[in-house]
PDB file of N, CA and C in Angstrom:
ATOM      1  N   MET A   1      37.366  67.533  21.541  1.00  0.00           N
ATOM      2  CA  MET A   1      36.690  66.254  21.490  1.00  0.00           C
ATOM      3  C   MET A   1      35.606  66.228  22.562  1.00  0.00           C
ATOM      4  N   PRO A   2      34.347  66.005  22.178  1.00  0.00           N
ATOM      5  CA  PRO A   2      33.274  65.999  23.171  1.00  0.00           C
ATOM      6  C   PRO A   2      33.361  64.766  24.057  1.00  0.00           C
ATOM      7  N   SER A   3      33.081  64.972  25.338  1.00  0.00           N
ATOM      8  CA  SER A   3      33.098  63.846  26.263  1.00  0.00           C
ATOM      9  C   SER A   3      31.761  63.116  26.207  1.00  0.00           C
ATOM     10  N   LYS A   4      31.775  61.917  26.738  1.00  0.00           N
ATOM     11  CA  LYS A   4      30.594  61.076  26.693  1.00  0.00           C
ATOM     12  C   LYS A   4      30.305  60.604  28.111  1.00  0.00           C
ATOM     13  N   ALA A   5      29.052  60.515  28.449  1.00  0.00           N
ATOM     14  CA  ALA A   5      28.638  60.021  29.762  1.00  0.00           C
ATOM     15  C   ALA A   5      27.970  58.668  29.576  1.00  0.00           C
ATOM     16  N   ARG A   6      28.464  57.679  30.289  1.00  0.00           N
ATOM     17  CA  ARG A   6      27.841  56.357  30.278  1.00  0.00           C
ATOM     18  C   ARG A   6      27.025  56.239  31.554  1.00  0.00           C
ATOM     19  N   ILE A   7      25.727  56.008  31.386  1.00  0.00           N
ATOM     20  CA  ILE A   7      24.806  55.932  32.519  1.00  0.00           C
ATOM     21  C   ILE A   7      24.370  54.484  32.675  1.00  0.00           C
ATOM     22  N   ARG A   8      24.619  53.939  33.858  1.00  0.00           N
ATOM     23  CA  ARG A   8      24.179  52.578  34.180  1.00  0.00           C
ATOM     24  C   ARG A   8      23.072  52.679  35.210  1.00  0.00           C
ATOM     25  N   LEU A   9      21.970  52.000  34.937  1.00  0.00           N
ATOM     26  CA  LEU A   9      20.823  51.989  35.842  1.00  0.00           C
ATOM     27  C   LEU A   9      20.481  50.539  36.165  1.00  0.00           C
ATOM     28  N   TRP A  10      20.140  50.270  37.425  1.00  0.00           N
ATOM     29  CA  TRP A  10      19.674  48.936  37.767  1.00  0.00           C
ATOM     30  C   TRP A  10      18.682  49.027  38.917  1.00  0.00           C
ATOM     31  N   SER A  11      17.736  48.081  38.914  1.00  0.00           N
ATOM     32  CA  SER A  11      16.672  48.082  39.909  1.00  0.00           C
ATOM     33  C   SER A  11      15.974  46.728  39.940  1.00  0.00           C
ATOM     34  N   THR A  12      15.282  46.471  41.025  1.00  0.00           N
ATOM     35  CA  THR A  12      14.442  45.280  41.104  1.00  0.00           C
ATOM     36  C   THR A  12      13.028  45.575  40.608  1.00  0.00           C
ATOM     37  N   ASN A  13      12.700  46.841  40.449  1.00  0.00           N
ATOM     38  CA  ASN A  13      11.372  47.258  40.012  1.00  0.00           C
ATOM     39  C   ASN A  13      11.472  47.826  38.593  1.00  0.00           C
ATOM     40  N   VAL A  14      10.864  47.143  37.619  1.00  0.00           N
ATOM     41  CA  VAL A  14      10.976  47.541  36.215  1.00  0.00           C
ATOM     42  C   VAL A  14      10.250  48.859  35.950  1.00  0.00           C
ATOM     43  N   LYS A  15       9.110  49.074  36.590  1.00  0.00           N
ATOM     44  CA  LYS A  15       8.344  50.303  36.336  1.00  0.00           C
ATOM     45  C   LYS A  15       9.127  51.540  36.746  1.00  0.00           C
ATOM     46  N   ASP A  16       9.748  51.499  37.929  1.00  0.00           N
ATOM     47  CA  ASP A  16      10.539  52.639  38.375  1.00  0.00           C
ATOM     48  C   ASP A  16      11.759  52.840  37.487  1.00  0.00           C
ATOM     49  N   LEU A  17      12.368  51.748  37.050  1.00  0.00           N
ATOM     50  CA  LEU A  17      13.537  51.837  36.175  1.00  0.00           C
ATOM     51  C   LEU A  17      13.158  52.488  34.848  1.00  0.00           C
ATOM     52  N   ASN A  18      12.046  52.068  34.257  1.00  0.00           N
ATOM     53  CA  ASN A  18      11.601  52.647  32.995  1.00  0.00           C
ATOM     54  C   ASN A  18      11.183  54.113  33.165  1.00  0.00           C
ATOM     55  N   TYR A  19      10.678  54.474  34.350  1.00  0.00           N
ATOM     56  CA  TYR A  19      10.312  55.859  34.634  1.00  0.00           C
ATOM     57  C   TYR A  19      11.548  56.761  34.596  1.00  0.00           C
ATOM     58  N   VAL A  20      12.639  56.321  35.223  1.00  0.00           N
ATOM     59  CA  VAL A  20      13.865  57.115  35.243  1.00  0.00           C
ATOM     60  C   VAL A  20      14.466  57.195  33.836  1.00  0.00           C
ATOM     61  N   VAL A  21      14.436  56.081  33.100  1.00  0.00           N
ATOM     62  CA  VAL A  21      14.934  56.084  31.719  1.00  0.00           C
ATOM     63  C   VAL A  21      14.120  57.062  30.868  1.00  0.00           C
ATOM     64  N   GLY A  22      12.813  57.101  31.073  1.00  0.00           N
ATOM     65  CA  GLY A  22      11.965  58.040  30.339  1.00  0.00           C
ATOM     66  C   GLY A  22      12.297  59.487  30.652  1.00  0.00           C
ATOM     67  N   GLN A  23      12.600  59.781  31.922  1.00  0.00           N
ATOM     68  CA  GLN A  23      12.980  61.140  32.289  1.00  0.00           C
ATOM     69  C   GLN A  23      14.284  61.546  31.597  1.00  0.00           C
ATOM     70  N   ILE A  24      15.253  60.632  31.559  1.00  0.00           N
ATOM     71  CA  ILE A  24      16.527  60.930  30.909  1.00  0.00           C
ATOM     72  C   ILE A  24      16.326  61.129  29.407  1.00  0.00           C
ATOM     73  N   LYS A  25      15.471  60.301  28.797  1.00  0.00           N
ATOM     74  CA  LYS A  25      15.199  60.450  27.363  1.00  0.00           C
ATOM     75  C   LYS A  25      14.529  61.777  27.063  1.00  0.00           C
ATOM     76  N   ASN A  26      13.642  62.251  27.946  1.00  0.00           N
ATOM     77  CA  ASN A  26      12.999  63.552  27.749  1.00  0.00           C
ATOM     78  C   ASN A  26      14.016  64.684  27.786  1.00  0.00           C
ATOM     79  N   ILE A  27      14.968  64.608  28.720  1.00  0.00           N
ATOM     80  CA  ILE A  27      16.002  65.629  28.810  1.00  0.00           C
ATOM     81  C   ILE A  27      16.836  65.648  27.536  1.00  0.00           C
ATOM     82  N   VAL A  28      17.196  64.479  27.043  1.00  0.00           N
ATOM     83  CA  VAL A  28      18.017  64.385  25.838  1.00  0.00           C
ATOM     84  C   VAL A  28      17.247  64.900  24.624  1.00  0.00           C
ATOM     85  N   ASP A  29      15.960  64.567  24.526  1.00  0.00           N
ATOM     86  CA  ASP A  29      15.158  65.048  23.401  1.00  0.00           C
ATOM     87  C   ASP A  29      15.027  66.573  23.405  1.00  0.00           C
ATOM     88  N   LYS A  30      14.854  67.166  24.597  1.00  0.00           N
ATOM     89  CA  LYS A  30      14.708  68.619  24.686  1.00  0.00           C
ATOM     90  C   LYS A  30      15.996  69.340  24.308  1.00  0.00           C
ATOM     91  N   THR A  31      17.138  68.783  24.704  1.00  0.00           N
ATOM     92  CA  THR A  31      18.409  69.457  24.431  1.00  0.00           C
ATOM     93  C   THR A  31      18.955  69.143  23.048  1.00  0.00           C
ATOM     94  N   GLY A  32      18.558  68.011  22.464  1.00  0.00           N
ATOM     95  CA  GLY A  32      18.967  67.686  21.110  1.00  0.00           C
ATOM     96  C   GLY A  32      20.364  67.107  20.980  1.00  0.00           C
ATOM     97  N   VAL A  33      20.890  66.494  22.023  1.00  0.00           N
ATOM     98  CA  VAL A  33      22.206  65.865  21.928  1.00  0.00           C
ATOM     99  C   VAL A  33      22.046  64.409  21.496  1.00  0.00           C
ATOM    100  N   SER A  34      23.162  63.798  21.081  1.00  0.00           N
ATOM    101  CA  SER A  34      23.090  62.413  20.619  1.00  0.00           C
ATOM    102  C   SER A  34      23.048  61.454  21.809  1.00  0.00           C
ATOM    103  N   MET A  35      22.314  60.360  21.618  1.00  0.00           N
ATOM    104  CA  MET A  35      22.160  59.364  22.676  1.00  0.00           C
ATOM    105  C   MET A  35      22.125  57.979  22.049  1.00  0.00           C
ATOM    106  N   ARG A  36      22.757  57.028  22.711  1.00  0.00           N
ATOM    107  CA  ARG A  36      22.659  55.622  22.326  1.00  0.00           C
ATOM    108  C   ARG A  36      22.028  54.884  23.489  1.00  0.00           C
ATOM    109  N   GLY A  37      20.982  54.141  23.190  1.00  0.00           N
ATOM    110  CA  GLY A  37      20.341  53.361  24.250  1.00  0.00           C
ATOM    111  C   GLY A  37      18.934  53.850  24.481  1.00  0.00           C
ATOM    112  N   PRO A  38      18.281  53.410  25.485  1.00  0.00           N
ATOM    113  CA  PRO A  38      18.749  52.522  26.549  1.00  0.00           C
ATOM    114  C   PRO A  38      18.852  51.074  26.063  1.00  0.00           C
ATOM    115  N   VAL A  39      19.962  50.458  26.369  1.00  0.00           N
ATOM    116  CA  VAL A  39      20.196  49.069  26.001  1.00  0.00           C
ATOM    117  C   VAL A  39      19.853  48.206  27.202  1.00  0.00           C
ATOM    118  N   PRO A  40      18.864  47.313  27.075  1.00  0.00           N
ATOM    119  CA  PRO A  40      18.554  46.432  28.197  1.00  0.00           C
ATOM    120  C   PRO A  40      19.608  45.329  28.301  1.00  0.00           C
ATOM    121  N   LEU A  41      20.230  45.236  29.452  1.00  0.00           N
ATOM    122  CA  LEU A  41      21.208  44.190  29.709  1.00  0.00           C
ATOM    123  C   LEU A  41      20.485  42.969  30.260  1.00  0.00           C
ATOM    124  N   PRO A  42      21.113  41.792  30.233  1.00  0.00           N
ATOM    125  CA  PRO A  42      20.448  40.592  30.744  1.00  0.00           C
ATOM    126  C   PRO A  42      20.044  40.740  32.209  1.00  0.00           C
ATOM    127  N   THR A  43      18.861  40.246  32.521  1.00  0.00           N
ATOM    128  CA  THR A  43      18.346  40.304  33.882  1.00  0.00           C
ATOM    129  C   THR A  43      19.010  39.219  34.712  1.00  0.00           C
ATOM    130  N   SER A  44      19.635  39.616  35.805  1.00  0.00           N
ATOM    131  CA  SER A  44      20.244  38.616  36.690  1.00  0.00           C
ATOM    132  C   SER A  44      19.222  38.198  37.737  1.00  0.00           C
ATOM    133  N   THR A  45      19.227  36.922  38.054  1.00  0.00           N
ATOM    134  CA  THR A  45      18.262  36.358  38.981  1.00  0.00           C
ATOM    135  C   THR A  45      18.981  35.716  40.153  1.00  0.00           C
ATOM    136  N   MET A  46      18.557  36.064  41.359  1.00  0.00           N
ATOM    137  CA  MET A  46      19.098  35.437  42.553  1.00  0.00           C
ATOM    138  C   MET A  46      17.984  34.617  43.178  1.00  0.00           C
ATOM    139  N   GLN A  47      18.204  33.313  43.311  1.00  0.00           N
ATOM    140  CA  GLN A  47      17.202  32.419  43.875  1.00  0.00           C
ATOM    141  C   GLN A  47      17.685  31.897  45.216  1.00  0.00           C
ATOM    142  N   VAL A  48      16.783  31.917  46.209  1.00  0.00           N
ATOM    143  CA  VAL A  48      17.114  31.456  47.547  1.00  0.00           C
ATOM    144  C   VAL A  48      16.060  30.437  47.971  1.00  0.00           C
ATOM    145  N   PRO A  49      16.444  29.142  48.107  1.00  0.00           N
ATOM    146  CA  PRO A  49      15.501  28.152  48.630  1.00  0.00           C
ATOM    147  C   PRO A  49      15.513  28.172  50.161  1.00  0.00           C
ATOM    148  N   ILE A  50      14.336  28.211  50.748  1.00  0.00           N
ATOM    149  CA  ILE A  50      14.201  28.255  52.208  1.00  0.00           C
ATOM    150  C   ILE A  50      13.264  27.142  52.631  1.00  0.00           C
ATOM    151  N   MET A  51      13.655  26.381  53.671  1.00  0.00           N
ATOM    152  CA  MET A  51      12.801  25.311  54.164  1.00  0.00           C
ATOM    153  C   MET A  51      11.625  25.919  54.914  1.00  0.00           C
ATOM    154  N   ARG A  52      10.422  25.493  54.552  1.00  0.00           N
ATOM    155  CA  ARG A  52       9.209  26.036  55.142  1.00  0.00           C
ATOM    156  C   ARG A  52       8.966  25.368  56.488  1.00  0.00           C
ATOM    157  N   LEU A  53       8.637  26.175  57.479  1.00  0.00           N
ATOM    158  CA  LEU A  53       8.378  25.649  58.823  1.00  0.00           C
ATOM    159  C   LEU A  53       6.889  25.625  59.077  1.00  0.00           C
ATOM    160  N   PRO A  54       6.352  24.749  59.892  1.00  0.00           N
ATOM    161  CA  PRO A  54       7.026  23.602  60.489  1.00  0.00           C
ATOM    162  C   PRO A  54       7.060  22.443  59.502  1.00  0.00           C
ATOM    163  N   HIS A  55       8.193  21.784  59.393  1.00  0.00           N
ATOM    164  CA  HIS A  55       8.302  20.675  58.466  1.00  0.00           C
ATOM    165  C   HIS A  55       8.117  19.335  59.175  1.00  0.00           C
ATOM    166  N   GLY A  56       8.223  19.312  60.478  1.00  0.00           N
ATOM    167  CA  GLY A  56       7.877  18.126  61.270  1.00  0.00           C
ATOM    168  C   GLY A  56       8.673  16.895  60.892  1.00  0.00           C
ATOM    169  N   GLU A  57       8.028  15.725  60.990  1.00  0.00           N
ATOM    170  CA  GLU A  57       8.681  14.439  60.728  1.00  0.00           C
ATOM    171  C   GLU A  57       8.528  14.005  59.272  1.00  0.00           C
ATOM    172  N   GLY A  58       7.655  14.658  58.554  1.00  0.00           N
ATOM    173  CA  GLY A  58       7.334  14.200  57.204  1.00  0.00           C
ATOM    174  C   GLY A  58       8.272  14.743  56.150  1.00  0.00           C
ATOM    175  N   HIS A  59       7.692  15.056  54.994  1.00  0.00           N
ATOM    176  CA  HIS A  59       8.478  15.526  53.865  1.00  0.00           C
ATOM    177  C   HIS A  59       8.983  16.953  54.101  1.00  0.00           C
ATOM    178  N   LYS A  60      10.094  17.237  53.504  1.00  0.00           N
ATOM    179  CA  LYS A  60      10.630  18.592  53.598  1.00  0.00           C
ATOM    180  C   LYS A  60       9.945  19.455  52.537  1.00  0.00           C
ATOM    181  N   LYS A  61       9.465  20.590  52.960  1.00  0.00           N
ATOM    182  CA  LYS A  61       8.805  21.533  52.052  1.00  0.00           C
ATOM    183  C   LYS A  61       9.708  22.749  51.882  1.00  0.00           C
ATOM    184  N   TRP A  62       9.859  23.204  50.640  1.00  0.00           N
ATOM    185  CA  TRP A  62      10.741  24.316  50.331  1.00  0.00           C
ATOM    186  C   TRP A  62       9.959  25.443  49.682  1.00  0.00           C
ATOM    187  N   GLU A  63      10.295  26.667  50.085  1.00  0.00           N
ATOM    188  CA  GLU A  63       9.817  27.858  49.388  1.00  0.00           C
ATOM    189  C   GLU A  63      10.991  28.405  48.605  1.00  0.00           C
ATOM    190  N   LYS A  64      10.739  28.823  47.388  1.00  0.00           N
ATOM    191  CA  LYS A  64      11.810  29.368  46.564  1.00  0.00           C
ATOM    192  C   LYS A  64      11.550  30.852  46.340  1.00  0.00           C
ATOM    193  N   TRP A  65      12.416  31.681  46.884  1.00  0.00           N
ATOM    194  CA  TRP A  65      12.320  33.116  46.728  1.00  0.00           C
ATOM    195  C   TRP A  65      13.252  33.550  45.618  1.00  0.00           C
ATOM    196  N   GLU A  66      12.817  34.571  44.880  1.00  0.00           N
ATOM    197  CA  GLU A  66      13.580  35.000  43.722  1.00  0.00           C
ATOM    198  C   GLU A  66      13.620  36.525  43.666  1.00  0.00           C
ATOM    199  N   MET A  67      14.790  37.066  43.360  1.00  0.00           N
ATOM    200  CA  MET A  67      14.928  38.501  43.171  1.00  0.00           C
ATOM    201  C   MET A  67      15.569  38.731  41.800  1.00  0.00           C
ATOM    202  N   ARG A  68      14.926  39.571  40.998  1.00  0.00           N
ATOM    203  CA  ARG A  68      15.439  39.866  39.657  1.00  0.00           C
ATOM    204  C   ARG A  68      16.005  41.270  39.632  1.00  0.00           C
ATOM    205  N   MET A  69      17.190  41.400  39.035  1.00  0.00           N
ATOM    206  CA  MET A  69      17.845  42.694  38.911  1.00  0.00           C
ATOM    207  C   MET A  69      17.840  43.088  37.430  1.00  0.00           C
ATOM    208  N   HIS A  70      17.055  44.141  37.095  1.00  0.00           N
ATOM    209  CA  HIS A  70      16.936  44.625  35.720  1.00  0.00           C
ATOM    210  C   HIS A  70      17.944  45.747  35.519  1.00  0.00           C
ATOM    211  N   LYS A  71      18.612  45.755  34.353  1.00  0.00           N
ATOM    212  CA  LYS A  71      19.679  46.728  34.103  1.00  0.00           C
ATOM    213  C   LYS A  71      19.500  47.388  32.743  1.00  0.00           C
ATOM    214  N   ARG A  72      19.905  48.652  32.674  1.00  0.00           N
ATOM    215  CA  ARG A  72      19.911  49.408  31.428  1.00  0.00           C
ATOM    216  C   ARG A  72      21.224  50.181  31.361  1.00  0.00           C
ATOM    217  N   ILE A  73      21.674  50.460  30.139  1.00  0.00           N
ATOM    218  CA  ILE A  73      22.875  51.265  29.934  1.00  0.00           C
ATOM    219  C   ILE A  73      22.603  52.259  28.812  1.00  0.00           C
ATOM    220  N   MET A  74      23.077  53.496  28.993  1.00  0.00           N
ATOM    221  CA  MET A  74      22.860  54.560  28.022  1.00  0.00           C
ATOM    222  C   MET A  74      24.154  55.333  27.842  1.00  0.00           C
ATOM    223  N   ASP A  75      24.434  55.782  26.617  1.00  0.00           N
ATOM    224  CA  ASP A  75      25.557  56.659  26.321  1.00  0.00           C
ATOM    225  C   ASP A  75      25.011  57.987  25.820  1.00  0.00           C
ATOM    226  N   ILE A  76      25.462  59.075  26.430  1.00  0.00           N
ATOM    227  CA  ILE A  76      24.980  60.408  26.084  1.00  0.00           C
ATOM    228  C   ILE A  76      26.187  61.308  25.850  1.00  0.00           C
ATOM    229  N   ALA A  77      26.117  62.137  24.805  1.00  0.00           N
ATOM    230  CA  ALA A  77      27.149  63.155  24.603  1.00  0.00           C
ATOM    231  C   ALA A  77      26.980  64.187  25.709  1.00  0.00           C
ATOM    232  N   ALA A  78      27.984  64.297  26.574  1.00  0.00           N
ATOM    233  CA  ALA A  78      27.826  65.080  27.802  1.00  0.00           C
ATOM    234  C   ALA A  78      28.437  66.465  27.669  1.00  0.00           C
ATOM    235  N   ASP A  79      27.676  67.457  28.094  1.00  0.00           N
ATOM    236  CA  ASP A  79      28.224  68.780  28.324  1.00  0.00           C
ATOM    237  C   ASP A  79      27.691  69.241  29.680  1.00  0.00           C
ATOM    238  N   GLU A  80      28.147  70.389  30.114  1.00  0.00           N
ATOM    239  CA  GLU A  80      27.815  70.847  31.464  1.00  0.00           C
ATOM    240  C   GLU A  80      26.319  71.042  31.659  1.00  0.00           C
ATOM    241  N   ARG A  81      25.641  71.547  30.631  1.00  0.00           N
ATOM    242  CA  ARG A  81      24.209  71.834  30.723  1.00  0.00           C
ATOM    243  C   ARG A  81      23.397  70.553  30.954  1.00  0.00           C
ATOM    244  N   ILE A  82      23.736  69.498  30.216  1.00  0.00           N
ATOM    245  CA  ILE A  82      22.990  68.245  30.351  1.00  0.00           C
ATOM    246  C   ILE A  82      23.291  67.571  31.680  1.00  0.00           C
ATOM    247  N   MET A  83      24.545  67.623  32.112  1.00  0.00           N
ATOM    248  CA  MET A  83      24.904  66.984  33.377  1.00  0.00           C
ATOM    249  C   MET A  83      24.180  67.641  34.554  1.00  0.00           C
ATOM    250  N   ARG A  84      24.009  68.944  34.499  1.00  0.00           N
ATOM    251  CA  ARG A  84      23.249  69.630  35.558  1.00  0.00           C
ATOM    252  C   ARG A  84      21.800  69.158  35.582  1.00  0.00           C
ATOM    253  N   GLN A  85      21.210  68.989  34.406  1.00  0.00           N
ATOM    254  CA  GLN A  85      19.823  68.524  34.353  1.00  0.00           C
ATOM    255  C   GLN A  85      19.708  67.074  34.813  1.00  0.00           C
ATOM    256  N   LEU A  86      20.712  66.255  34.491  1.00  0.00           N
ATOM    257  CA  LEU A  86      20.675  64.860  34.933  1.00  0.00           C
ATOM    258  C   LEU A  86      20.749  64.744  36.451  1.00  0.00           C
ATOM    259  N   MET A  87      21.471  65.658  37.085  1.00  0.00           N
ATOM    260  CA  MET A  87      21.574  65.627  38.545  1.00  0.00           C
ATOM    261  C   MET A  87      20.248  65.976  39.221  1.00  0.00           C
ATOM    262  N   ARG A  88      19.354  66.627  38.493  1.00  0.00           N
ATOM    263  CA  ARG A  88      18.053  67.006  39.061  1.00  0.00           C
ATOM    264  C   ARG A  88      16.977  65.946  38.854  1.00  0.00           C
ATOM    265  N   VAL A  89      17.283  64.864  38.157  1.00  0.00           N
ATOM    266  CA  VAL A  89      16.293  63.819  37.893  1.00  0.00           C
ATOM    267  C   VAL A  89      15.908  63.158  39.210  1.00  0.00           C
ATOM    268  N   ARG A  90      14.622  63.009  39.423  1.00  0.00           N
ATOM    269  CA  ARG A  90      14.136  62.342  40.636  1.00  0.00           C
ATOM    270  C   ARG A  90      14.267  60.835  40.462  1.00  0.00           C
ATOM    271  N   VAL A  91      15.049  60.237  41.341  1.00  0.00           N
ATOM    272  CA  VAL A  91      15.318  58.800  41.264  1.00  0.00           C
ATOM    273  C   VAL A  91      14.650  58.133  42.459  1.00  0.00           C
ATOM    274  N   PRO A  92      13.752  57.156  42.231  1.00  0.00           N
ATOM    275  CA  PRO A  92      13.135  56.438  43.350  1.00  0.00           C
ATOM    276  C   PRO A  92      14.181  55.674  44.171  1.00  0.00           C
ATOM    277  N   GLU A  93      13.770  55.260  45.369  1.00  0.00           N
ATOM    278  CA  GLU A  93      14.691  54.596  46.301  1.00  0.00           C
ATOM    279  C   GLU A  93      15.289  53.313  45.744  1.00  0.00           C
ATOM    280  N   ASP A  94      14.493  52.535  45.018  1.00  0.00           N
ATOM    281  CA  ASP A  94      14.966  51.219  44.591  1.00  0.00           C
ATOM    282  C   ASP A  94      15.643  51.231  43.222  1.00  0.00           C
ATOM    283  N   VAL A  95      15.923  52.413  42.672  1.00  0.00           N
ATOM    284  CA  VAL A  95      16.658  52.520  41.410  1.00  0.00           C
ATOM    285  C   VAL A  95      18.041  53.074  41.718  1.00  0.00           C
ATOM    286  N   TYR A  96      19.051  52.380  41.219  1.00  0.00           N
ATOM    287  CA  TYR A  96      20.434  52.804  41.437  1.00  0.00           C
ATOM    288  C   TYR A  96      20.979  53.315  40.111  1.00  0.00           C
ATOM    289  N   ILE A  97      21.724  54.401  40.170  1.00  0.00           N
ATOM    290  CA  ILE A  97      22.232  55.026  38.957  1.00  0.00           C
ATOM    291  C   ILE A  97      23.725  55.301  39.142  1.00  0.00           C
ATOM    292  N   GLU A  98      24.473  55.086  38.069  1.00  0.00           N
ATOM    293  CA  GLU A  98      25.902  55.339  38.075  1.00  0.00           C
ATOM    294  C   GLU A  98      26.239  56.074  36.790  1.00  0.00           C
ATOM    295  N   ILE A  99      26.891  57.230  36.901  1.00  0.00           N
ATOM    296  CA  ILE A  99      27.262  58.022  35.743  1.00  0.00           C
ATOM    297  C   ILE A  99      28.782  58.054  35.658  1.00  0.00           C
ATOM    298  N   GLU A 100      29.293  57.652  34.501  1.00  0.00           N
ATOM    299  CA  GLU A 100      30.733  57.621  34.292  1.00  0.00           C
ATOM    300  C   GLU A 100      31.063  58.469  33.073  1.00  0.00           C
ATOM    301  N   LEU A 101      32.006  59.386  33.237  1.00  0.00           N
ATOM    302  CA  LEU A 101      32.435  60.230  32.120  1.00  0.00           C
ATOM    303  C   LEU A 101      33.568  59.528  31.389  1.00  0.00           C
ATOM    304  N   ILE A 102      33.428  59.412  30.069  1.00  0.00           N
ATOM    305  CA  ILE A 102      34.424  58.717  29.255  1.00  0.00           C
ATOM    306  C   ILE A 102      35.162  59.736  28.417  1.00  0.00           C
TER     307      ILE A 102
END
């Protein structure tokens, strides 16, 4: 029974995330194994309201900062050859990757 690798990717930068997904897709296309995905998962948003200084005696002024976390998930039929190539993929600093063998 062939094993499967589930790859989870997440980042705050969409361009870097899509770059890594493209590299993985190129590896899969060259080797000819089956792949499902990349499936875009819902983007989680973290909002932080911060009071702007100086606010003095008057009205309170707020700045709203927001960080978006973009996520993708991929399933690949894994063998030793593909896993070695996946380990060589250049991943930027702000992209996080998790590989789970199923």
